[in-house]
């Protein structure tokens, strides 16, 4: 069996870690759960694939009166939870769904809940208009998210 020098052994270890980033990342992030809202499940799947962890189980549905219902399908107690929800599509429905998901995770004793919002809704209404004063702007939305 050939004897490898320390530098060759180190390079092969680095190469192995680079080829399998998900194994390395998973060992460093044991208390992370990532959930996807209904706005962009493909993005959430790509993120968890890259991190080498499973996407959290969540069921979202609408009641007959069009209210949103969210069920978190696994324990989040003591976990750092990330909720991925874009502000595209049905903006108001997606925003409400995200707020319900945040609340559900907090009620279920998640250690920390972080909303990942690639396309932040209402950001274009941040400037004052000469005719109409728009009250619900980015600052208001940020305050609502911080309260949850």
N, C-alpha and C. Protein backbone atom coordinates (compact mmCIF):
# COMPACT_ATOMS: atom_id res chain seq x y z
N UNK A 1 0.84 -1.17 0.00
CA UNK A 1 0.00 0.00 0.00
C UNK A 1 0.89 1.24 0.00
N UNK A 2 0.65 2.19 -0.93
CA UNK A 2 1.52 3.37 -1.01
C UNK A 2 1.30 4.30 0.19
N UNK A 3 2.38 4.94 0.59
CA UNK A 3 2.32 5.90 1.69
C UNK A 3 2.09 7.28 1.10
N UNK A 4 1.06 7.97 1.59
CA UNK A 4 0.74 9.30 1.09
C UNK A 4 1.37 10.36 1.98
N UNK A 5 1.87 11.39 1.34
CA UNK A 5 2.41 12.50 2.13
C UNK A 5 1.26 13.26 2.78
N UNK A 6 1.60 14.06 3.77
CA UNK A 6 0.57 14.83 4.48
C UNK A 6 -0.17 15.78 3.55
N UNK A 7 0.55 16.40 2.62
CA UNK A 7 -0.10 17.36 1.72
C UNK A 7 -1.05 16.66 0.75
N UNK A 8 -0.66 15.48 0.26
CA UNK A 8 -1.53 14.73 -0.64
C UNK A 8 -2.78 14.27 0.11
N UNK A 9 -2.60 13.81 1.34
CA UNK A 9 -3.72 13.36 2.15
C UNK A 9 -4.67 14.53 2.44
N UNK A 10 -4.11 15.70 2.74
CA UNK A 10 -4.94 16.88 3.02
C UNK A 10 -5.72 17.30 1.78
N UNK A 11 -5.06 17.27 0.61
CA UNK A 11 -5.76 17.64 -0.63
C UNK A 11 -6.89 16.67 -0.93
N UNK A 12 -6.68 15.39 -0.70
CA UNK A 12 -7.74 14.42 -0.98
C UNK A 12 -8.91 14.59 -0.01
N UNK A 13 -8.62 14.94 1.25
CA UNK A 13 -9.70 15.20 2.20
C UNK A 13 -10.50 16.43 1.80
N UNK A 14 -9.82 17.49 1.39
CA UNK A 14 -10.50 18.71 0.95
C UNK A 14 -11.36 18.42 -0.27
N UNK A 15 -10.82 17.67 -1.22
CA UNK A 15 -11.57 17.33 -2.43
C UNK A 15 -12.81 16.52 -2.07
N UNK A 16 -12.69 15.59 -1.14
CA UNK A 16 -13.83 14.77 -0.73
C UNK A 16 -14.91 15.64 -0.08
N UNK A 17 -14.49 16.61 0.72
CA UNK A 17 -15.47 17.49 1.36
C UNK A 17 -16.15 18.39 0.35
N UNK A 18 -15.41 18.85 -0.65
CA UNK A 18 -16.01 19.70 -1.67
C UNK A 18 -16.97 18.92 -2.55
N UNK A 19 -16.69 17.66 -2.78
CA UNK A 19 -17.58 16.84 -3.61
C UNK A 19 -18.86 16.48 -2.85
N UNK A 20 -18.81 16.49 -1.54
CA UNK A 20 -19.97 16.15 -0.73
C UNK A 20 -20.27 17.27 0.25
N UNK A 21 -20.64 18.48 -0.26
CA UNK A 21 -20.88 19.58 0.67
C UNK A 21 -22.07 19.34 1.58
N UNK A 22 -23.04 18.58 1.12
CA UNK A 22 -24.23 18.38 1.93
C UNK A 22 -23.93 17.59 3.21
N UNK A 23 -23.00 16.64 3.15
CA UNK A 23 -22.65 15.86 4.33
C UNK A 23 -22.00 16.77 5.37
N UNK A 24 -21.09 17.61 4.92
CA UNK A 24 -20.41 18.54 5.82
C UNK A 24 -21.39 19.54 6.41
N UNK A 25 -22.27 20.09 5.57
CA UNK A 25 -23.23 21.08 6.05
C UNK A 25 -24.24 20.48 7.02
N UNK A 26 -24.69 19.27 6.73
CA UNK A 26 -25.69 18.63 7.59
C UNK A 26 -25.14 18.40 8.99
N UNK A 27 -23.86 18.04 9.08
CA UNK A 27 -23.28 17.81 10.39
C UNK A 27 -23.12 19.09 11.18
N UNK A 28 -23.01 20.22 10.50
CA UNK A 28 -22.86 21.51 11.18
C UNK A 28 -24.20 22.16 11.51
N UNK A 29 -25.29 21.68 10.94
CA UNK A 29 -26.60 22.30 11.13
C UNK A 29 -27.63 21.28 11.60
N UNK A 30 -27.46 20.73 12.79
CA UNK A 30 -28.39 19.67 13.21
C UNK A 30 -29.76 20.18 13.63
N UNK A 31 -29.89 21.44 14.02
CA UNK A 31 -31.15 21.94 14.56
C UNK A 31 -31.86 22.88 13.61
N UNK A 32 -31.76 22.63 12.33
CA UNK A 32 -32.39 23.51 11.34
C UNK A 32 -33.53 22.78 10.65
N UNK A 33 -34.64 23.48 10.53
CA UNK A 33 -35.78 22.99 9.74
C UNK A 33 -36.12 24.08 8.74
N UNK A 34 -36.32 23.68 7.50
CA UNK A 34 -36.69 24.63 6.45
C UNK A 34 -38.05 24.21 5.91
N UNK A 35 -38.97 25.18 5.89
CA UNK A 35 -40.31 24.95 5.38
C UNK A 35 -40.55 25.87 4.20
N UNK A 36 -41.38 25.42 3.29
CA UNK A 36 -41.71 26.21 2.11
C UNK A 36 -43.17 26.61 2.15
N UNK A 37 -43.40 27.88 1.86
CA UNK A 37 -44.77 28.31 1.61
C UNK A 37 -45.16 27.89 0.21
N UNK A 38 -46.37 28.19 -0.18
CA UNK A 38 -46.85 27.74 -1.49
C UNK A 38 -46.39 28.64 -2.64
N UNK A 39 -45.72 29.75 -2.33
CA UNK A 39 -45.35 30.68 -3.40
C UNK A 39 -44.21 30.18 -4.27
N UNK A 40 -43.24 29.48 -3.70
CA UNK A 40 -42.08 29.07 -4.49
C UNK A 40 -41.46 27.78 -3.95
N UNK A 41 -42.17 26.65 -4.05
CA UNK A 41 -41.64 25.40 -3.52
C UNK A 41 -40.37 24.92 -4.23
N UNK A 42 -40.21 25.28 -5.51
CA UNK A 42 -39.01 24.87 -6.24
C UNK A 42 -37.75 25.50 -5.64
N UNK A 43 -37.83 26.77 -5.28
CA UNK A 43 -36.69 27.44 -4.66
C UNK A 43 -36.34 26.78 -3.33
N UNK A 44 -37.33 26.50 -2.53
CA UNK A 44 -37.08 25.85 -1.23
C UNK A 44 -36.45 24.47 -1.43
N UNK A 45 -36.91 23.73 -2.42
CA UNK A 45 -36.35 22.41 -2.68
C UNK A 45 -34.90 22.51 -3.11
N UNK A 46 -34.58 23.49 -3.93
CA UNK A 46 -33.19 23.68 -4.36
C UNK A 46 -32.29 24.04 -3.18
N UNK A 47 -32.80 24.84 -2.26
CA UNK A 47 -32.02 25.23 -1.09
C UNK A 47 -31.73 24.02 -0.20
N UNK A 48 -32.76 23.22 0.10
CA UNK A 48 -32.53 22.07 0.98
C UNK A 48 -31.68 21.01 0.29
N UNK A 49 -31.81 20.88 -1.02
CA UNK A 49 -30.94 19.95 -1.75
C UNK A 49 -29.48 20.36 -1.61
N UNK A 50 -29.24 21.65 -1.73
CA UNK A 50 -27.87 22.17 -1.61
C UNK A 50 -27.32 21.98 -0.19
N UNK A 51 -28.19 22.15 0.81
CA UNK A 51 -27.77 21.99 2.20
C UNK A 51 -27.71 20.53 2.63
N UNK A 52 -28.35 19.66 1.86
CA UNK A 52 -28.34 18.25 2.20
C UNK A 52 -29.27 17.88 3.35
N UNK A 53 -30.34 18.64 3.50
CA UNK A 53 -31.33 18.33 4.54
C UNK A 53 -32.69 18.16 3.88
N UNK A 54 -33.64 17.64 4.63
CA UNK A 54 -34.98 17.42 4.08
C UNK A 54 -35.83 18.66 4.26
N UNK A 55 -36.71 18.88 3.31
CA UNK A 55 -37.67 19.98 3.40
C UNK A 55 -38.72 19.60 4.45
N UNK A 56 -39.04 20.55 5.32
CA UNK A 56 -40.03 20.30 6.36
C UNK A 56 -41.40 20.02 5.79
N UNK A 57 -42.15 19.22 6.51
CA UNK A 57 -43.50 18.85 6.06
C UNK A 57 -44.50 19.89 6.53
N UNK A 58 -45.19 20.48 5.59
CA UNK A 58 -46.21 21.47 5.89
C UNK A 58 -47.36 21.29 4.90
N UNK A 59 -48.57 21.43 5.40
CA UNK A 59 -49.76 21.32 4.55
C UNK A 59 -50.48 22.66 4.62
N UNK A 60 -50.71 23.25 3.45
CA UNK A 60 -51.49 24.49 3.39
C UNK A 60 -52.74 24.22 2.58
N UNK A 61 -53.84 24.75 3.07
CA UNK A 61 -55.10 24.59 2.34
C UNK A 61 -55.98 25.80 2.61
N UNK A 62 -57.02 25.92 1.82
CA UNK A 62 -57.98 27.01 1.97
C UNK A 62 -59.30 26.44 2.45
N UNK A 63 -59.90 27.13 3.41
CA UNK A 63 -61.25 26.77 3.83
C UNK A 63 -62.24 27.25 2.78
N UNK A 64 -63.50 26.89 2.94
CA UNK A 64 -64.52 27.27 1.96
C UNK A 64 -64.70 28.79 1.88
N UNK A 65 -64.39 29.50 2.96
CA UNK A 65 -64.49 30.96 2.92
C UNK A 65 -63.18 31.62 2.49
N UNK A 66 -62.25 30.81 1.97
CA UNK A 66 -60.94 31.22 1.45
C UNK A 66 -59.94 31.64 2.52
N UNK A 67 -60.21 31.34 3.79
CA UNK A 67 -59.20 31.55 4.82
C UNK A 67 -58.11 30.50 4.65
N UNK A 68 -56.89 30.87 5.01
CA UNK A 68 -55.75 29.97 4.87
C UNK A 68 -55.57 29.14 6.13
N UNK A 69 -55.31 27.86 5.94
CA UNK A 69 -55.03 26.94 7.03
C UNK A 69 -53.64 26.34 6.80
N UNK A 70 -52.81 26.35 7.83
CA UNK A 70 -51.46 25.80 7.73
C UNK A 70 -51.27 24.78 8.83
N UNK A 71 -50.77 23.60 8.47
CA UNK A 71 -50.46 22.56 9.44
C UNK A 71 -48.99 22.18 9.29
N UNK A 72 -48.22 22.39 10.36
CA UNK A 72 -46.82 21.98 10.37
C UNK A 72 -46.80 20.50 10.70
N UNK A 73 -46.22 19.69 9.82
CA UNK A 73 -46.32 18.24 9.92
C UNK A 73 -45.21 17.55 10.69
N UNK A 74 -44.40 18.30 11.44
CA UNK A 74 -43.34 17.69 12.23
C UNK A 74 -42.98 18.60 13.39
N UNK A 75 -42.29 18.05 14.35
CA UNK A 75 -41.93 18.82 15.54
C UNK A 75 -40.86 19.87 15.21
N UNK A 76 -41.06 21.07 15.72
CA UNK A 76 -40.07 22.13 15.56
C UNK A 76 -39.57 22.61 16.93
N UNK A 77 -39.91 21.91 17.97
CA UNK A 77 -39.52 22.31 19.33
C UNK A 77 -38.00 22.43 19.43
N UNK A 78 -37.53 23.61 19.82
CA UNK A 78 -36.10 23.85 20.00
C UNK A 78 -35.30 23.99 18.72
N UNK A 79 -35.96 24.00 17.58
CA UNK A 79 -35.27 24.08 16.29
C UNK A 79 -35.19 25.52 15.79
N UNK A 80 -34.20 25.78 14.95
CA UNK A 80 -34.14 27.04 14.19
C UNK A 80 -34.92 26.80 12.91
N UNK A 81 -36.00 27.53 12.73
CA UNK A 81 -36.89 27.32 11.59
C UNK A 81 -36.71 28.44 10.58
N UNK A 82 -36.60 28.07 9.31
CA UNK A 82 -36.55 29.02 8.21
C UNK A 82 -37.76 28.76 7.33
N UNK A 83 -38.52 29.82 7.06
CA UNK A 83 -39.70 29.71 6.20
C UNK A 83 -39.41 30.48 4.93
N UNK A 84 -39.46 29.78 3.80
CA UNK A 84 -39.17 30.40 2.51
C UNK A 84 -40.50 30.71 1.84
N UNK A 85 -40.75 31.99 1.64
CA UNK A 85 -42.00 32.42 1.02
C UNK A 85 -41.71 33.68 0.22
N UNK A 86 -41.92 33.60 -1.06
CA UNK A 86 -41.69 34.74 -1.94
C UNK A 86 -42.90 35.66 -1.95
N UNK A 87 -42.66 36.91 -2.26
CA UNK A 87 -43.76 37.86 -2.35
C UNK A 87 -44.31 37.99 -3.74
N UNK A 88 -44.23 36.93 -4.52
CA UNK A 88 -44.76 36.98 -5.88
C UNK A 88 -46.09 36.23 -5.95
N UNK A 89 -46.76 36.37 -7.06
CA UNK A 89 -48.05 35.68 -7.22
C UNK A 89 -49.15 36.38 -6.44
N UNK A 90 -49.92 35.61 -5.72
CA UNK A 90 -50.99 36.15 -4.87
C UNK A 90 -50.35 36.73 -3.60
N UNK A 91 -49.92 37.97 -3.69
CA UNK A 91 -49.10 38.56 -2.63
C UNK A 91 -49.77 38.52 -1.27
N UNK A 92 -51.00 38.96 -1.18
CA UNK A 92 -51.67 39.02 0.12
C UNK A 92 -51.90 37.63 0.70
N UNK A 93 -52.28 36.68 -0.13
CA UNK A 93 -52.47 35.31 0.35
C UNK A 93 -51.15 34.71 0.82
N UNK A 94 -50.08 34.94 0.05
CA UNK A 94 -48.77 34.41 0.43
C UNK A 94 -48.25 35.05 1.71
N UNK A 95 -48.49 36.33 1.86
CA UNK A 95 -48.07 37.03 3.07
C UNK A 95 -48.81 36.49 4.29
N UNK A 96 -50.11 36.32 4.17
CA UNK A 96 -50.90 35.79 5.28
C UNK A 96 -50.49 34.35 5.60
N UNK A 97 -50.24 33.55 4.58
CA UNK A 97 -49.80 32.18 4.79
C UNK A 97 -48.48 32.16 5.57
N UNK A 98 -47.56 33.05 5.20
CA UNK A 98 -46.27 33.11 5.89
C UNK A 98 -46.46 33.51 7.36
N UNK A 99 -47.30 34.50 7.61
CA UNK A 99 -47.54 34.93 8.99
C UNK A 99 -48.16 33.82 9.83
N UNK A 100 -49.06 33.05 9.22
CA UNK A 100 -49.68 31.92 9.93
C UNK A 100 -48.63 30.84 10.21
N UNK A 101 -47.73 30.60 9.24
CA UNK A 101 -46.66 29.62 9.45
C UNK A 101 -45.72 30.06 10.57
N UNK A 102 -45.37 31.34 10.59
CA UNK A 102 -44.50 31.86 11.65
C UNK A 102 -45.17 31.66 13.01
N UNK A 103 -46.44 32.01 13.09
CA UNK A 103 -47.17 31.87 14.35
C UNK A 103 -47.27 30.41 14.78
N UNK A 104 -47.53 29.52 13.83
CA UNK A 104 -47.64 28.09 14.15
C UNK A 104 -46.31 27.56 14.70
N UNK A 105 -45.20 27.99 14.12
CA UNK A 105 -43.89 27.53 14.59
C UNK A 105 -43.57 28.08 15.97
N UNK A 106 -43.95 29.32 16.22
CA UNK A 106 -43.71 29.90 17.55
C UNK A 106 -44.56 29.20 18.61
N UNK A 107 -45.81 28.91 18.27
CA UNK A 107 -46.68 28.20 19.22
C UNK A 107 -46.12 26.81 19.50
N UNK A 108 -45.49 26.19 18.49
CA UNK A 108 -44.92 24.86 18.64
C UNK A 108 -43.53 24.89 19.28
N UNK A 109 -43.14 26.02 19.86
CA UNK A 109 -41.89 26.17 20.62
C UNK A 109 -40.62 26.10 19.79
N UNK A 110 -40.66 26.63 18.58
CA UNK A 110 -39.42 26.73 17.80
C UNK A 110 -38.48 27.70 18.51
N UNK A 111 -37.20 27.40 18.47
CA UNK A 111 -36.21 28.24 19.12
C UNK A 111 -36.14 29.62 18.47
N UNK A 112 -36.12 29.62 17.15
CA UNK A 112 -36.06 30.87 16.39
C UNK A 112 -36.74 30.63 15.05
N UNK A 113 -37.47 31.64 14.56
CA UNK A 113 -38.14 31.54 13.27
C UNK A 113 -37.65 32.69 12.40
N UNK A 114 -37.14 32.35 11.22
CA UNK A 114 -36.63 33.35 10.28
C UNK A 114 -37.39 33.23 8.97
N UNK A 115 -37.93 34.35 8.51
CA UNK A 115 -38.62 34.37 7.22
C UNK A 115 -37.61 34.73 6.13
N UNK A 116 -37.54 33.89 5.12
CA UNK A 116 -36.68 34.15 3.96
C UNK A 116 -37.61 34.60 2.84
N UNK A 117 -37.49 35.88 2.47
CA UNK A 117 -38.43 36.48 1.52
C UNK A 117 -37.63 37.04 0.34
N UNK A 118 -37.41 36.22 -0.71
CA UNK A 118 -36.58 36.68 -1.83
C UNK A 118 -37.15 37.89 -2.56
N UNK A 119 -38.44 37.97 -2.69
CA UNK A 119 -39.08 39.11 -3.34
C UNK A 119 -39.98 39.77 -2.30
N UNK A 120 -39.48 40.83 -1.67
CA UNK A 120 -40.18 41.44 -0.54
C UNK A 120 -41.39 42.23 -1.01
N UNK A 121 -42.61 41.85 -0.57
CA UNK A 121 -43.81 42.54 -1.06
C UNK A 121 -43.95 43.95 -0.49
N UNK A 122 -44.63 44.78 -1.23
CA UNK A 122 -44.94 46.16 -0.87
C UNK A 122 -43.71 47.07 -0.84
N UNK A 123 -42.59 46.62 -1.33
CA UNK A 123 -41.38 47.43 -1.31
C UNK A 123 -41.48 48.62 -2.26
N UNK A 124 -42.29 48.51 -3.29
CA UNK A 124 -42.39 49.60 -4.27
C UNK A 124 -43.27 50.74 -3.75
N UNK A 125 -43.98 50.52 -2.65
CA UNK A 125 -44.87 51.55 -2.12
C UNK A 125 -44.21 52.34 -0.99
N UNK A 126 -42.92 52.28 -0.92
CA UNK A 126 -42.21 52.91 0.18
C UNK A 126 -42.08 54.43 0.04
N UNK A 127 -42.26 54.94 -1.15
CA UNK A 127 -42.12 56.38 -1.38
C UNK A 127 -43.48 57.05 -1.31
N UNK A 128 -43.49 58.28 -0.82
CA UNK A 128 -44.75 59.03 -0.72
C UNK A 128 -45.21 59.45 -2.11
N UNK A 129 -46.48 59.33 -2.33
CA UNK A 129 -47.10 59.74 -3.58
C UNK A 129 -47.67 61.14 -3.39
N UNK A 130 -47.68 61.94 -4.44
CA UNK A 130 -48.18 63.31 -4.33
C UNK A 130 -49.68 63.34 -4.03
N UNK A 131 -50.43 62.40 -4.58
CA UNK A 131 -51.88 62.44 -4.44
C UNK A 131 -52.37 61.53 -3.31
N UNK A 132 -51.88 60.31 -3.28
CA UNK A 132 -52.37 59.31 -2.33
C UNK A 132 -51.26 58.96 -1.35
N UNK A 133 -51.59 58.98 -0.08
CA UNK A 133 -50.64 58.56 0.94
C UNK A 133 -50.89 57.08 1.21
N UNK A 134 -49.91 56.25 0.94
CA UNK A 134 -50.05 54.81 1.10
C UNK A 134 -49.56 54.43 2.49
N UNK A 135 -50.43 53.82 3.27
CA UNK A 135 -50.10 53.55 4.66
C UNK A 135 -49.40 52.21 4.86
N UNK A 136 -49.71 51.23 4.05
CA UNK A 136 -49.10 49.91 4.24
C UNK A 136 -47.89 49.82 3.34
N UNK A 137 -46.74 50.08 3.89
CA UNK A 137 -45.52 50.06 3.08
C UNK A 137 -44.53 49.07 3.67
N UNK A 138 -43.32 49.11 3.18
CA UNK A 138 -42.31 48.17 3.63
C UNK A 138 -42.05 48.29 5.12
N UNK A 139 -42.01 49.51 5.62
CA UNK A 139 -41.76 49.70 7.05
C UNK A 139 -42.86 49.05 7.88
N UNK A 140 -44.10 49.23 7.47
CA UNK A 140 -45.22 48.62 8.19
C UNK A 140 -45.12 47.10 8.17
N UNK A 141 -44.78 46.54 7.02
CA UNK A 141 -44.66 45.10 6.89
C UNK A 141 -43.52 44.58 7.77
N UNK A 142 -42.42 45.30 7.81
CA UNK A 142 -41.30 44.90 8.65
C UNK A 142 -41.71 44.88 10.12
N UNK A 143 -42.48 45.88 10.54
CA UNK A 143 -42.95 45.92 11.93
C UNK A 143 -43.87 44.73 12.24
N UNK A 144 -44.74 44.39 11.30
CA UNK A 144 -45.63 43.24 11.49
C UNK A 144 -44.82 41.96 11.62
N UNK A 145 -43.81 41.78 10.77
CA UNK A 145 -42.98 40.58 10.82
C UNK A 145 -42.18 40.52 12.13
N UNK A 146 -41.71 41.65 12.61
CA UNK A 146 -40.95 41.65 13.86
C UNK A 146 -41.84 41.33 15.05
N UNK A 147 -43.10 41.73 15.00
CA UNK A 147 -44.03 41.43 16.09
C UNK A 147 -44.31 39.94 16.16
N UNK A 148 -44.31 39.27 15.01
CA UNK A 148 -44.57 37.83 14.99
C UNK A 148 -43.33 37.12 15.32
